[in-house]
C-alpha cells in the first residue's frame, strides 16, 4: 500500500530507521560522471556501512555503483546477489543484500 512507503533523503552519517520496522534501503551511490575525484568515496562508503550496521539491522539493501569492489565496502559485507546493468550508458552493478542470509 502507498501508505506503507516512506521515502527519505538524508545524510548517510546521521540516517535513522523509521518506526515501522525493517524495510528496504535503496541507493544510487555517487560514481562515474557524478564524481570528479574518487578520493572521497572511501569515506562515504565507510560512513554508509557504519550507519547500516548501527541503524538498519535486519533491513534489505540494494545499491547501484560503478565498481563491484565498492559493494562490500558500502554494504558492510559482500552482497548476496550482483546484477550487471547499464545506467546512462555506463556499466554499473546492483548489489542486493537479504537479511538473515
PDB file of N, CA and C in Angstrom:
ATOM      1  N   UNK A   1       0.830  -1.174   0.000  1.00  0.00           N
ATOM      2  CA  UNK A   1       0.000   0.000   0.000  1.00  0.00           C
ATOM      3  C   UNK A   1       0.881   1.245   0.000  1.00  0.00           C
ATOM      4  N   UNK A   2       0.408   2.260  -0.627  1.00  0.00           N
ATOM      5  CA  UNK A   2       1.151   3.508  -0.707  1.00  0.00           C
ATOM      6  C   UNK A   2       1.376   4.114   0.674  1.00  0.00           C
ATOM      7  N   UNK A   3       0.471   3.911   1.593  1.00  0.00           N
ATOM      8  CA  UNK A   3       0.619   4.445   2.948  1.00  0.00           C
ATOM      9  C   UNK A   3       1.775   3.790   3.692  1.00  0.00           C
ATOM     10  N   UNK A   4       2.230   2.629   3.214  1.00  0.00           N
ATOM     11  CA  UNK A   4       3.320   1.911   3.864  1.00  0.00           C
ATOM     12  C   UNK A   4       4.692   2.330   3.364  1.00  0.00           C
ATOM     13  N   UNK A   5       4.755   3.247   2.411  1.00  0.00           N
ATOM     14  CA  UNK A   5       6.024   3.677   1.829  1.00  0.00           C
ATOM     15  C   UNK A   5       6.447   5.012   2.420  1.00  0.00           C
ATOM     16  N   UNK A   6       7.685   5.058   2.868  1.00  0.00           N
ATOM     17  CA  UNK A   6       8.255   6.304   3.377  1.00  0.00           C
ATOM     18  C   UNK A   6       9.576   6.523   2.664  1.00  0.00           C
ATOM     19  N   UNK A   7       9.705   7.645   1.980  1.00  0.00           N
ATOM     20  CA  UNK A   7      10.937   7.997   1.288  1.00  0.00           C
ATOM     21  C   UNK A   7      11.613   9.128   2.036  1.00  0.00           C
ATOM     22  N   UNK A   8      12.907   8.948   2.298  1.00  0.00           N
ATOM     23  CA  UNK A   8      13.666   9.975   2.996  1.00  0.00           C
ATOM     24  C   UNK A   8      14.965  10.212   2.253  1.00  0.00           C
ATOM     25  N   UNK A   9      15.393  11.449   2.264  1.00  0.00           N
ATOM     26  CA  UNK A   9      16.709  11.810   1.738  1.00  0.00           C
ATOM     27  C   UNK A   9      17.449  12.484   2.881  1.00  0.00           C
ATOM     28  N   UNK A  10      18.564  11.870   3.298  1.00  0.00           N
ATOM     29  CA  UNK A  10      19.271  12.368   4.461  1.00  0.00           C
ATOM     30  C   UNK A  10      20.760  12.084   4.344  1.00  0.00           C
ATOM     31  N   UNK A  11      21.529  12.730   5.167  1.00  0.00           N
ATOM     32  CA  UNK A  11      22.964  12.496   5.238  1.00  0.00           C
ATOM     33  C   UNK A  11      23.197  11.070   5.732  1.00  0.00           C
ATOM     34  N   UNK A  12      24.037  10.333   5.028  1.00  0.00           N
ATOM     35  CA  UNK A  12      24.248   8.930   5.356  1.00  0.00           C
ATOM     36  C   UNK A  12      24.812   8.739   6.759  1.00  0.00           C
ATOM     37  N   UNK A  13      25.544   9.690   7.268  1.00  0.00           N
ATOM     38  CA  UNK A  13      26.174   9.548   8.582  1.00  0.00           C
ATOM     39  C   UNK A  13      25.176   9.689   9.726  1.00  0.00           C
ATOM     40  N   UNK A  14      24.009  10.284   9.485  1.00  0.00           N
ATOM     41  CA  UNK A  14      23.048  10.508  10.565  1.00  0.00           C
ATOM     42  C   UNK A  14      21.682   9.878  10.294  1.00  0.00           C
ATOM     43  N   UNK A  15      21.578   9.059   9.286  1.00  0.00           N
ATOM     44  CA  UNK A  15      20.300   8.438   8.945  1.00  0.00           C
ATOM     45  C   UNK A  15      19.828   7.523  10.069  1.00  0.00           C
ATOM     46  N   UNK A  16      18.527   7.491  10.285  1.00  0.00           N
ATOM     47  CA  UNK A  16      17.922   6.601  11.273  1.00  0.00           C
ATOM     48  C   UNK A  16      16.737   5.899  10.628  1.00  0.00           C
ATOM     49  N   UNK A  17      16.457   4.701  11.102  1.00  0.00           N
ATOM     50  CA  UNK A  17      15.344   3.926  10.585  1.00  0.00           C
ATOM     51  C   UNK A  17      14.025   4.491  11.076  1.00  0.00           C
ATOM     52  N   UNK A  18      13.001   4.349  10.271  1.00  0.00           N
ATOM     53  CA  UNK A  18      11.666   4.763  10.680  1.00  0.00           C
ATOM     54  C   UNK A  18      11.109   3.816  11.725  1.00  0.00           C
ATOM     55  N   UNK A  19      10.016   4.173  12.317  1.00  0.00           N
ATOM     56  CA  UNK A  19       9.421   3.396  13.406  1.00  0.00           C
ATOM     57  C   UNK A  19       8.650   2.176  12.916  1.00  0.00           C
ATOM     58  N   UNK A  20       8.444   2.055  11.613  1.00  0.00           N
ATOM     59  CA  UNK A  20       7.589   0.984  11.101  1.00  0.00           C
ATOM     60  C   UNK A  20       8.266  -0.375  11.040  1.00  0.00           C
ATOM     61  N   UNK A  21       9.552  -0.460  11.332  1.00  0.00           N
ATOM     62  CA  UNK A  21      10.232  -1.749  11.333  1.00  0.00           C
ATOM     63  C   UNK A  21      11.098  -1.945  10.107  1.00  0.00           C
ATOM     64  N   UNK A  22      11.683  -3.133   9.969  1.00  0.00           N
ATOM     65  CA  UNK A  22      12.598  -3.377   8.863  1.00  0.00           C
ATOM     66  C   UNK A  22      11.949  -3.117   7.511  1.00  0.00           C
ATOM     67  N   UNK A  23      12.771  -2.604   6.608  1.00  0.00           N
ATOM     68  CA  UNK A  23      12.301  -2.284   5.273  1.00  0.00           C
ATOM     69  C   UNK A  23      13.415  -2.476   4.266  1.00  0.00           C
ATOM     70  N   UNK A  24      13.504  -1.570   3.319  1.00  0.00           N
ATOM     71  CA  UNK A  24      14.469  -1.643   2.235  1.00  0.00           C
ATOM     72  C   UNK A  24      15.195  -0.308   2.126  1.00  0.00           C
ATOM     73  N   UNK A  25      16.529  -0.356   2.139  1.00  0.00           N
ATOM     74  CA  UNK A  25      17.353   0.827   1.901  1.00  0.00           C
ATOM     75  C   UNK A  25      17.883   0.702   0.484  1.00  0.00           C
ATOM     76  N   UNK A  26      17.578   1.690  -0.366  1.00  0.00           N
ATOM     77  CA  UNK A  26      17.993   1.678  -1.764  1.00  0.00           C
ATOM     78  C   UNK A  26      18.825   2.908  -2.032  1.00  0.00           C
ATOM     79  N   UNK A  27      19.925   2.737  -2.786  1.00  0.00           N
ATOM     80  CA  UNK A  27      20.750   3.888  -3.108  1.00  0.00           C
ATOM     81  C   UNK A  27      21.396   3.788  -4.469  1.00  0.00           C
ATOM     82  N   UNK A  28      21.386   4.888  -5.191  1.00  0.00           N
ATOM     83  CA  UNK A  28      22.146   5.061  -6.422  1.00  0.00           C
ATOM     84  C   UNK A  28      23.351   5.888  -5.989  1.00  0.00           C
ATOM     85  N   UNK A  29      24.405   5.198  -5.544  1.00  0.00           N
ATOM     86  CA  UNK A  29      25.540   5.864  -4.909  1.00  0.00           C
ATOM     87  C   UNK A  29      26.333   6.676  -5.925  1.00  0.00           C
ATOM     88  N   UNK A  30      27.036   7.711  -5.472  1.00  0.00           N
ATOM     89  CA  UNK A  30      27.809   8.548  -6.394  1.00  0.00           C
ATOM     90  C   UNK A  30      28.882   7.733  -7.117  1.00  0.00           C
ATOM     91  N   UNK A  31      28.997   7.947  -8.422  1.00  0.00           N
ATOM     92  CA  UNK A  31      30.013   7.260  -9.221  1.00  0.00           C
ATOM     93  C   UNK A  31      30.147   7.946 -10.577  1.00  0.00           C
ATOM     94  N   UNK A  32      31.169   7.525 -11.315  1.00  0.00           N
ATOM     95  CA  UNK A  32      31.334   7.923 -12.712  1.00  0.00           C
ATOM     96  C   UNK A  32      31.322   9.419 -12.929  1.00  0.00           C
ATOM     97  N   UNK A  33      30.507   9.863 -13.830  1.00  0.00           N
ATOM     98  CA  UNK A  33      30.449  11.273 -14.217  1.00  0.00           C
ATOM     99  C   UNK A  33      29.961  12.175 -13.089  1.00  0.00           C
ATOM    100  N   UNK A  34      29.289  11.583 -12.109  1.00  0.00           N
ATOM    101  CA  UNK A  34      28.785  12.371 -10.980  1.00  0.00           C
ATOM    102  C   UNK A  34      29.879  12.696  -9.978  1.00  0.00           C
ATOM    103  N   UNK A  35      31.052  12.073 -10.123  1.00  0.00           N
ATOM    104  CA  UNK A  35      32.134  12.275  -9.171  1.00  0.00           C
ATOM    105  C   UNK A  35      33.401  12.643  -9.935  1.00  0.00           C
ATOM    106  N   UNK A  36      33.971  13.813  -9.622  1.00  0.00           N
ATOM    107  CA  UNK A  36      35.196  14.228 -10.297  1.00  0.00           C
ATOM    108  C   UNK A  36      36.404  13.458  -9.797  1.00  0.00           C
ATOM    109  N   UNK A  37      36.503  13.254  -8.491  1.00  0.00           N
ATOM    110  CA  UNK A  37      37.647  12.555  -7.906  1.00  0.00           C
ATOM    111  C   UNK A  37      37.116  11.456  -7.000  1.00  0.00           C
ATOM    112  N   UNK A  38      37.722  10.289  -7.076  1.00  0.00           N
ATOM    113  CA  UNK A  38      37.241   9.161  -6.284  1.00  0.00           C
ATOM    114  C   UNK A  38      37.700   9.228  -4.839  1.00  0.00           C
ATOM    115  N   UNK A  39      38.512  10.212  -4.479  1.00  0.00           N
ATOM    116  CA  UNK A  39      39.099  10.281  -3.149  1.00  0.00           C
ATOM    117  C   UNK A  39      38.114  10.247  -2.005  1.00  0.00           C
ATOM    118  N   UNK A  40      36.973  10.901  -2.126  1.00  0.00           N
ATOM    119  CA  UNK A  40      36.028  10.954  -1.027  1.00  0.00           C
ATOM    120  C   UNK A  40      35.098   9.765  -0.927  1.00  0.00           C
ATOM    121  N   UNK A  41      35.096   8.891  -1.921  1.00  0.00           N
ATOM    122  CA  UNK A  41      34.142   7.792  -1.910  1.00  0.00           C
ATOM    123  C   UNK A  41      34.443   6.753  -0.839  1.00  0.00           C
ATOM    124  N   UNK A  42      35.708   6.556  -0.500  1.00  0.00           N
ATOM    125  CA  UNK A  42      36.039   5.586   0.538  1.00  0.00           C
ATOM    126  C   UNK A  42      35.432   6.016   1.875  1.00  0.00           C
ATOM    127  N   UNK A  43      35.532   7.308   2.187  1.00  0.00           N
ATOM    128  CA  UNK A  43      34.932   7.822   3.430  1.00  0.00           C
ATOM    129  C   UNK A  43      33.414   7.701   3.392  1.00  0.00           C
ATOM    130  N   UNK A  44      32.819   8.036   2.247  1.00  0.00           N
ATOM    131  CA  UNK A  44      31.371   7.926   2.088  1.00  0.00           C
ATOM    132  C   UNK A  44      30.928   6.479   2.288  1.00  0.00           C
ATOM    133  N   UNK A  45      31.609   5.535   1.627  1.00  0.00           N
ATOM    134  CA  UNK A  45      31.243   4.127   1.733  1.00  0.00           C
ATOM    135  C   UNK A  45      31.380   3.617   3.165  1.00  0.00           C
ATOM    136  N   UNK A  46      32.440   4.020   3.848  1.00  0.00           N
ATOM    137  CA  UNK A  46      32.645   3.598   5.245  1.00  0.00           C
ATOM    138  C   UNK A  46      31.542   4.150   6.142  1.00  0.00           C
ATOM    139  N   UNK A  47      31.154   5.406   5.937  1.00  0.00           N
ATOM    140  CA  UNK A  47      30.063   6.005   6.727  1.00  0.00           C
ATOM    141  C   UNK A  47      28.746   5.286   6.460  1.00  0.00           C
ATOM    142  N   UNK A  48      28.497   4.936   5.214  1.00  0.00           N
ATOM    143  CA  UNK A  48      27.274   4.216   4.870  1.00  0.00           C
ATOM    144  C   UNK A  48      27.252   2.848   5.551  1.00  0.00           C
ATOM    145  N   UNK A  49      28.347   2.116   5.485  1.00  0.00           N
ATOM    146  CA  UNK A  49      28.411   0.793   6.115  1.00  0.00           C
ATOM    147  C   UNK A  49      28.193   0.891   7.626  1.00  0.00           C
ATOM    148  N   UNK A  50      28.793   1.899   8.271  1.00  0.00           N
ATOM    149  CA  UNK A  50      28.602   2.079   9.724  1.00  0.00           C
ATOM    150  C   UNK A  50      27.138   2.379  10.045  1.00  0.00           C
ATOM    151  N   UNK A  51      26.529   3.262   9.274  1.00  0.00           N
ATOM    152  CA  UNK A  51      25.139   3.638   9.521  1.00  0.00           C
ATOM    153  C   UNK A  51      24.215   2.441   9.320  1.00  0.00           C
ATOM    154  N   UNK A  52      24.429   1.668   8.277  1.00  0.00           N
ATOM    155  CA  UNK A  52      23.584   0.498   8.028  1.00  0.00           C
ATOM    156  C   UNK A  52      23.690  -0.502   9.167  1.00  0.00           C
ATOM    157  N   UNK A  53      24.892  -0.713   9.646  1.00  0.00           N
ATOM    158  CA  UNK A  53      25.109  -1.654  10.743  1.00  0.00           C
ATOM    159  C   UNK A  53      24.453  -1.175  12.028  1.00  0.00           C
ATOM    160  N   UNK A  54      24.557   0.117  12.299  1.00  0.00           N
ATOM    161  CA  UNK A  54      24.048   0.698  13.550  1.00  0.00           C
ATOM    162  C   UNK A  54      22.539   0.895  13.529  1.00  0.00           C
ATOM    163  N   UNK A  55      22.021   1.491  12.463  1.00  0.00           N
ATOM    164  CA  UNK A  55      20.637   1.965  12.475  1.00  0.00           C
ATOM    165  C   UNK A  55      19.658   1.130  11.647  1.00  0.00           C
ATOM    166  N   UNK A  56      20.163   0.220  10.822  1.00  0.00           N
ATOM    167  CA  UNK A  56      19.270  -0.530   9.931  1.00  0.00           C
ATOM    168  C   UNK A  56      19.513  -2.040   9.970  1.00  0.00           C
ATOM    169  N   UNK A  57      19.710  -2.624  11.148  1.00  0.00           N
ATOM    170  CA  UNK A  57      19.908  -4.078  11.189  1.00  0.00           C
ATOM    171  C   UNK A  57      18.627  -4.781  10.746  1.00  0.00           C
ATOM    172  N   UNK A  58      18.777  -5.840   9.987  1.00  0.00           N
ATOM    173  CA  UNK A  58      17.605  -6.595   9.538  1.00  0.00           C
ATOM    174  C   UNK A  58      16.916  -6.020   8.325  1.00  0.00           C
ATOM    175  N   UNK A  59      17.417  -4.925   7.775  1.00  0.00           N
ATOM    176  CA  UNK A  59      16.821  -4.319   6.590  1.00  0.00           C
ATOM    177  C   UNK A  59      17.437  -4.909   5.326  1.00  0.00           C
ATOM    178  N   UNK A  60      16.644  -4.996   4.258  1.00  0.00           N
ATOM    179  CA  UNK A  60      17.178  -5.336   2.939  1.00  0.00           C
ATOM    180  C   UNK A  60      17.900  -4.101   2.411  1.00  0.00           C
ATOM    181  N   UNK A  61      18.910  -4.327   1.552  1.00  0.00           N
ATOM    182  CA  UNK A  61      19.669  -3.236   0.965  1.00  0.00           C
ATOM    183  C   UNK A  61      19.858  -3.510  -0.516  1.00  0.00           C
ATOM    184  N   UNK A  62      19.899  -2.438  -1.307  1.00  0.00           N
ATOM    185  CA  UNK A  62      20.201  -2.531  -2.735  1.00  0.00           C
ATOM    186  C   UNK A  62      20.916  -1.249  -3.141  1.00  0.00           C
ATOM    187  N   UNK A  63      22.141  -1.396  -3.694  1.00  0.00           N
ATOM    188  CA  UNK A  63      22.937  -0.227  -4.081  1.00  0.00           C
ATOM    189  C   UNK A  63      23.459  -0.381  -5.497  1.00  0.00           C
ATOM    190  N   UNK A  64      23.369   0.707  -6.243  1.00  0.00           N
ATOM    191  CA  UNK A  64      23.887   0.781  -7.599  1.00  0.00           C
ATOM    192  C   UNK A  64      25.200   1.555  -7.567  1.00  0.00           C
ATOM    193  N   UNK A  65      26.269   0.945  -8.084  1.00  0.00           N
ATOM    194  CA  UNK A  65      27.589   1.571  -8.127  1.00  0.00           C
ATOM    195  C   UNK A  65      28.265   1.202  -9.446  1.00  0.00           C
ATOM    196  N   UNK A  66      29.432   1.787  -9.683  1.00  0.00           N
ATOM    197  CA  UNK A  66      30.151   1.503 -10.928  1.00  0.00           C
ATOM    198  C   UNK A  66      31.195   0.414 -10.793  1.00  0.00           C
ATOM    199  N   UNK A  67      31.484  -0.020  -9.581  1.00  0.00           N
ATOM    200  CA  UNK A  67      32.597  -0.924  -9.342  1.00  0.00           C
ATOM    201  C   UNK A  67      32.171  -1.987  -8.337  1.00  0.00           C
ATOM    202  N   UNK A  68      32.224  -3.250  -8.730  1.00  0.00           N
ATOM    203  CA  UNK A  68      31.772  -4.322  -7.849  1.00  0.00           C
ATOM    204  C   UNK A  68      32.525  -4.347  -6.525  1.00  0.00           C
ATOM    205  N   UNK A  69      33.788  -3.949  -6.534  1.00  0.00           N
ATOM    206  CA  UNK A  69      34.578  -3.934  -5.297  1.00  0.00           C
ATOM    207  C   UNK A  69      33.987  -2.968  -4.269  1.00  0.00           C
ATOM    208  N   UNK A  70      33.304  -1.932  -4.710  1.00  0.00           N
ATOM    209  CA  UNK A  70      32.689  -0.966  -3.787  1.00  0.00           C
ATOM    210  C   UNK A  70      31.507  -1.549  -3.038  1.00  0.00           C
ATOM    211  N   UNK A  71      30.863  -2.549  -3.589  1.00  0.00           N
ATOM    212  CA  UNK A  71      29.651  -3.067  -2.966  1.00  0.00           C
ATOM    213  C   UNK A  71      29.895  -3.543  -1.540  1.00  0.00           C
ATOM    214  N   UNK A  72      30.920  -4.343  -1.329  1.00  0.00           N
ATOM    215  CA  UNK A  72      31.204  -4.848   0.025  1.00  0.00           C
ATOM    216  C   UNK A  72      31.594  -3.718   0.955  1.00  0.00           C
ATOM    217  N   UNK A  73      32.321  -2.744   0.450  1.00  0.00           N
ATOM    218  CA  UNK A  73      32.750  -1.611   1.287  1.00  0.00           C
ATOM    219  C   UNK A  73      31.534  -0.778   1.706  1.00  0.00           C
ATOM    220  N   UNK A  74      30.639  -0.499   0.774  1.00  0.00           N
ATOM    221  CA  UNK A  74      29.470   0.339   1.075  1.00  0.00           C
ATOM    222  C   UNK A  74      28.408  -0.433   1.864  1.00  0.00           C
ATOM    223  N   UNK A  75      28.243  -1.714   1.561  1.00  0.00           N
ATOM    224  CA  UNK A  75      27.217  -2.509   2.232  1.00  0.00           C
ATOM    225  C   UNK A  75      27.666  -3.137   3.527  1.00  0.00           C
ATOM    226  N   UNK A  76      28.970  -3.098   3.799  1.00  0.00           N
ATOM    227  CA  UNK A  76      29.491  -3.674   5.029  1.00  0.00           C
ATOM    228  C   UNK A  76      29.861  -5.140   4.904  1.00  0.00           C
ATOM    229  N   UNK A  77      29.264  -5.829   3.959  1.00  0.00           N
ATOM    230  CA  UNK A  77      29.568  -7.229   3.651  1.00  0.00           C
ATOM    231  C   UNK A  77      29.368  -7.416   2.150  1.00  0.00           C
ATOM    232  N   UNK A  78      29.814  -8.556   1.643  1.00  0.00           N
ATOM    233  CA  UNK A  78      29.578  -8.853   0.229  1.00  0.00           C
ATOM    234  C   UNK A  78      28.075  -9.024  -0.008  1.00  0.00           C
ATOM    235  N   UNK A  79      27.570  -8.524  -1.128  1.00  0.00           N
ATOM    236  CA  UNK A  79      26.136  -8.674  -1.404  1.00  0.00           C
ATOM    237  C   UNK A  79      25.784 -10.132  -1.687  1.00  0.00           C
ATOM    238  N   UNK A  80      24.529 -10.458  -1.504  1.00  0.00           N
ATOM    239  CA  UNK A  80      24.054 -11.808  -1.789  1.00  0.00           C
ATOM    240  C   UNK A  80      23.858 -12.024  -3.289  1.00  0.00           C
ATOM    241  N   UNK A  81      23.500 -10.956  -3.987  1.00  0.00           N
ATOM    242  CA  UNK A  81      23.334 -11.025  -5.444  1.00  0.00           C
ATOM    243  C   UNK A  81      23.949  -9.783  -6.075  1.00  0.00           C
ATOM    244  N   UNK A  82      24.518  -9.967  -7.265  1.00  0.00           N
ATOM    245  CA  UNK A  82      25.076  -8.860  -8.032  1.00  0.00           C
ATOM    246  C   UNK A  82      24.492  -8.933  -9.444  1.00  0.00           C
ATOM    247  N   UNK A  83      23.966  -7.813  -9.896  1.00  0.00           N
ATOM    248  CA  UNK A  83      23.401  -7.721 -11.248  1.00  0.00           C
ATOM    249  C   UNK A  83      24.207  -6.693 -12.027  1.00  0.00           C
ATOM    250  N   UNK A  84      24.683  -7.069 -13.196  1.00  0.00           N
ATOM    251  CA  UNK A  84      25.414  -6.142 -14.061  1.00  0.00           C
ATOM    252  C   UNK A  84      24.424  -5.466 -14.998  1.00  0.00           C
ATOM    253  N   UNK A  85      24.447  -4.132 -14.999  1.00  0.00           N
ATOM    254  CA  UNK A  85      23.486  -3.336 -15.758  1.00  0.00           C
ATOM    255  C   UNK A  85      24.205  -2.207 -16.485  1.00  0.00           C
ATOM    256  N   UNK A  86      23.434  -1.424 -17.238  1.00  0.00           N
ATOM    257  CA  UNK A  86      23.931  -0.205 -17.860  1.00  0.00           C
ATOM    258  C   UNK A  86      23.009   0.919 -17.426  1.00  0.00           C
ATOM    259  N   UNK A  87      23.587   2.015 -16.936  1.00  0.00           N
ATOM    260  CA  UNK A  87      22.810   3.159 -16.463  1.00  0.00           C
ATOM    261  C   UNK A  87      23.355   4.412 -17.143  1.00  0.00           C
ATOM    262  N   UNK A  88      22.565   5.027 -17.992  1.00  0.00           N
ATOM    263  CA  UNK A  88      23.010   6.223 -18.700  1.00  0.00           C
ATOM    264  C   UNK A  88      24.225   5.960 -19.575  1.00  0.00           C
ATOM    265  N   UNK A  89      24.332   4.764 -20.122  1.00  0.00           N
ATOM    266  CA  UNK A  89      25.447   4.405 -20.974  1.00  0.00           C
ATOM    267  C   UNK A  89      26.677   3.914 -20.227  1.00  0.00           C
ATOM    268  N   UNK A  90      26.633   3.930 -18.901  1.00  0.00           N
ATOM    269  CA  UNK A  90      27.772   3.478 -18.090  1.00  0.00           C
ATOM    270  C   UNK A  90      27.515   2.068 -17.550  1.00  0.00           C
ATOM    271  N   UNK A  91      28.510   1.190 -17.586  1.00  0.00           N
ATOM    272  CA  UNK A  91      28.344  -0.121 -16.952  1.00  0.00           C
ATOM    273  C   UNK A  91      28.316   0.051 -15.433  1.00  0.00           C
ATOM    274  N   UNK A  92      27.346  -0.571 -14.790  1.00  0.00           N
ATOM    275  CA  UNK A  92      27.186  -0.471 -13.336  1.00  0.00           C
ATOM    276  C   UNK A  92      26.842  -1.851 -12.775  1.00  0.00           C
ATOM    277  N   UNK A  93      26.885  -1.950 -11.455  1.00  0.00           N
ATOM    278  CA  UNK A  93      26.471  -3.176 -10.779  1.00  0.00           C
ATOM    279  C   UNK A  93      25.465  -2.814  -9.690  1.00  0.00           C
ATOM    280  N   UNK A  94      24.476  -3.667  -9.529  1.00  0.00           N
ATOM    281  CA  UNK A  94      23.480  -3.525  -8.474  1.00  0.00           C
ATOM    282  C   UNK A  94      23.706  -4.656  -7.494  1.00  0.00           C
ATOM    283  N   UNK A  95      24.051  -4.307  -6.262  1.00  0.00           N
ATOM    284  CA  UNK A  95      24.222  -5.296  -5.202  1.00  0.00           C
ATOM    285  C   UNK A  95      22.970  -5.367  -4.357  1.00  0.00           C
ATOM    286  N   UNK A  96      22.581  -6.587  -3.984  1.00  0.00           N
ATOM    287  CA  UNK A  96      21.378  -6.798  -3.170  1.00  0.00           C
ATOM    288  C   UNK A  96      21.761  -7.661  -1.965  1.00  0.00           C
ATOM    289  N   UNK A  97      21.377  -7.193  -0.781  1.00  0.00           N
ATOM    290  CA  UNK A  97      21.615  -7.910   0.471  1.00  0.00           C
ATOM    291  C   UNK A  97      20.272  -8.294   1.067  1.00  0.00           C
ATOM    292  N   UNK A  98      20.160  -9.530   1.506  1.00  0.00           N
ATOM    293  CA  UNK A  98      18.945 -10.022   2.155  1.00  0.00           C
ATOM    294  C   UNK A  98      19.249 -10.251   3.636  1.00  0.00           C
ATOM    295  N   UNK A  99      18.409  -9.788   4.534  1.00  0.00           N
ATOM    296  CA  UNK A  99      18.671 -10.008   5.964  1.00  0.00           C
ATOM    297  C   UNK A  99      18.574 -11.497   6.301  1.00  0.00           C
ATOM    298  N   UNK A 100      19.380 -11.892   7.262  1.00  0.00           N
ATOM    299  CA  UNK A 100      19.327 -13.261   7.739  1.00  0.00           C
ATOM    300  C   UNK A 100      20.011 -14.281   6.862  1.00  0.00           C
ATOM    301  N   UNK A 101      20.707 -13.816   5.840  1.00  0.00           N
ATOM    302  CA  UNK A 101      21.420 -14.771   4.956  1.00  0.00           C
ATOM    303  C   UNK A 101      22.889 -14.687   5.198  1.00  0.00           C
TER     304      UNK A 101
END
